[in-house]
């Protein structure tokens, strides 16, 4: 930690206090790490909540809506759908879906 004298260097009784910018630097480092963590979580969430499209018929699976008629609750990411699930429109399996862009 960097220190600055409270009185001039010529004074025989020099008291020192932490330099404010070093305190701000430490707090910024914590804040910066927190922001990086939040961005990381948001990226994971976005990836989990991506829409998928059936390559055969064009049906779009939206995780926000799910597929309640076939037992898939709203909020279920595509990756968490059972491998036995099939496209409600044409009946093909999950392997025929890709990320909707």
Protein backbone atom coordinates (compact mmCIF):
# COMPACT_ATOMS: atom_id res chain seq x y z
CA UNK A 1 0.00 0.00 0.00
CA UNK A 2 1.31 3.47 -0.83
CA UNK A 3 1.53 6.12 1.89
CA UNK A 4 1.71 9.92 1.75
CA UNK A 5 3.05 12.12 4.54
CA UNK A 6 0.58 14.41 6.27
CA UNK A 7 3.28 17.01 6.80
CA UNK A 8 6.31 18.01 4.79
CA UNK A 9 9.34 15.76 4.59
CA UNK A 10 11.32 18.35 6.57
CA UNK A 11 9.17 17.87 9.63
CA UNK A 12 10.71 15.62 12.30
CA UNK A 13 7.32 14.06 13.17
CA UNK A 14 6.01 12.50 9.96
CA UNK A 15 2.65 10.76 10.15
CA UNK A 16 1.51 8.65 7.25
CA UNK A 17 -1.92 7.66 5.99
CA UNK A 18 -2.88 5.36 3.12
CA UNK A 19 -2.98 7.09 -0.22
CA UNK A 20 -6.62 7.39 -1.32
CA UNK A 21 -6.05 6.16 -4.85
CA UNK A 22 -4.72 2.85 -3.55
CA UNK A 23 -7.93 2.44 -1.53
CA UNK A 24 -9.98 3.25 -4.62
CA UNK A 25 -7.84 0.84 -6.66
CA UNK A 26 -8.59 -1.98 -4.22
CA UNK A 27 -12.31 -1.21 -4.26
CA UNK A 28 -12.30 -0.95 -8.06
CA UNK A 29 -10.55 -4.31 -8.30
CA UNK A 30 -13.31 -5.88 -6.19
CA UNK A 31 -15.95 -4.09 -8.26
CA UNK A 32 -14.26 -5.12 -11.50
CA UNK A 33 -14.16 -8.77 -10.41
CA UNK A 34 -17.84 -8.52 -9.47
CA UNK A 35 -18.73 -7.12 -12.88
CA UNK A 36 -16.79 -9.87 -14.61
CA UNK A 37 -18.71 -12.44 -12.56
CA UNK A 38 -22.07 -10.84 -13.46
CA UNK A 39 -21.17 -10.79 -17.16
CA UNK A 40 -20.13 -14.44 -16.95
CA UNK A 41 -23.45 -15.43 -15.32
CA UNK A 42 -25.42 -13.41 -17.88
CA UNK A 43 -23.55 -15.16 -20.71
CA UNK A 44 -24.34 -18.57 -19.23
CA UNK A 45 -28.00 -17.59 -18.81
CA UNK A 46 -28.21 -16.28 -22.37
CA UNK A 47 -26.65 -19.46 -23.72
CA UNK A 48 -29.07 -21.61 -21.71
CA UNK A 49 -32.09 -19.58 -22.85
CA UNK A 50 -31.33 -19.62 -26.57
CA UNK A 51 -34.05 -20.60 -29.01
CA UNK A 52 -33.59 -23.68 -31.18
CA UNK A 53 -35.04 -24.31 -34.63
CA UNK A 54 -35.96 -27.63 -36.23
CA UNK A 55 -33.93 -28.10 -39.43
CA UNK A 56 -36.73 -30.12 -41.01
CA UNK A 57 -39.91 -28.08 -40.45
CA UNK A 58 -38.75 -24.76 -38.97
CA UNK A 59 -40.46 -25.18 -35.57
CA UNK A 60 -38.79 -22.90 -33.02
CA UNK A 61 -38.39 -24.12 -29.45
CA UNK A 62 -38.47 -21.11 -27.09
CA UNK A 63 -37.31 -21.95 -23.55
CA UNK A 64 -39.43 -19.11 -22.15
CA UNK A 65 -42.57 -20.86 -23.46
CA UNK A 66 -41.39 -24.48 -23.17
CA UNK A 67 -43.64 -27.19 -24.62
CA UNK A 68 -46.33 -27.75 -21.95
CA UNK A 69 -48.41 -30.00 -24.23
CA UNK A 70 -45.49 -32.46 -24.27
CA UNK A 71 -44.45 -32.11 -20.62
CA UNK A 72 -41.77 -29.43 -21.00
CA UNK A 73 -42.33 -26.60 -18.51
CA UNK A 74 -41.73 -22.94 -19.42
CA UNK A 75 -38.18 -21.88 -18.53
CA UNK A 76 -36.63 -25.23 -19.51
CA UNK A 77 -33.40 -24.77 -21.51
CA UNK A 78 -33.13 -26.91 -24.64
CA UNK A 79 -30.16 -28.79 -23.15
CA UNK A 80 -32.37 -29.96 -20.24
CA UNK A 81 -35.10 -31.43 -22.43
CA UNK A 82 -35.03 -35.27 -22.36
CA UNK A 83 -33.43 -36.93 -25.39
CA UNK A 84 -36.72 -38.73 -26.01
CA UNK A 85 -38.50 -35.41 -26.74
CA UNK A 86 -39.53 -34.90 -30.35
CA UNK A 87 -40.49 -31.87 -32.41
CA UNK A 88 -44.18 -31.16 -31.80
CA UNK A 89 -44.67 -30.16 -35.45
CA UNK A 90 -42.93 -32.95 -37.38
CA UNK A 91 -41.82 -35.56 -34.84
CA UNK A 92 -38.03 -35.58 -35.39
CA UNK A 93 -35.63 -35.85 -32.42
CA UNK A 94 -33.49 -33.21 -30.72
CA UNK A 95 -30.54 -34.01 -32.98
CA UNK A 96 -32.33 -32.20 -35.82
CA UNK A 97 -32.38 -28.88 -33.94
CA UNK A 98 -29.80 -26.13 -33.99
CA UNK A 99 -29.44 -22.72 -32.32
CA UNK A 100 -31.83 -20.19 -33.85
CA UNK A 101 -29.99 -17.12 -35.12
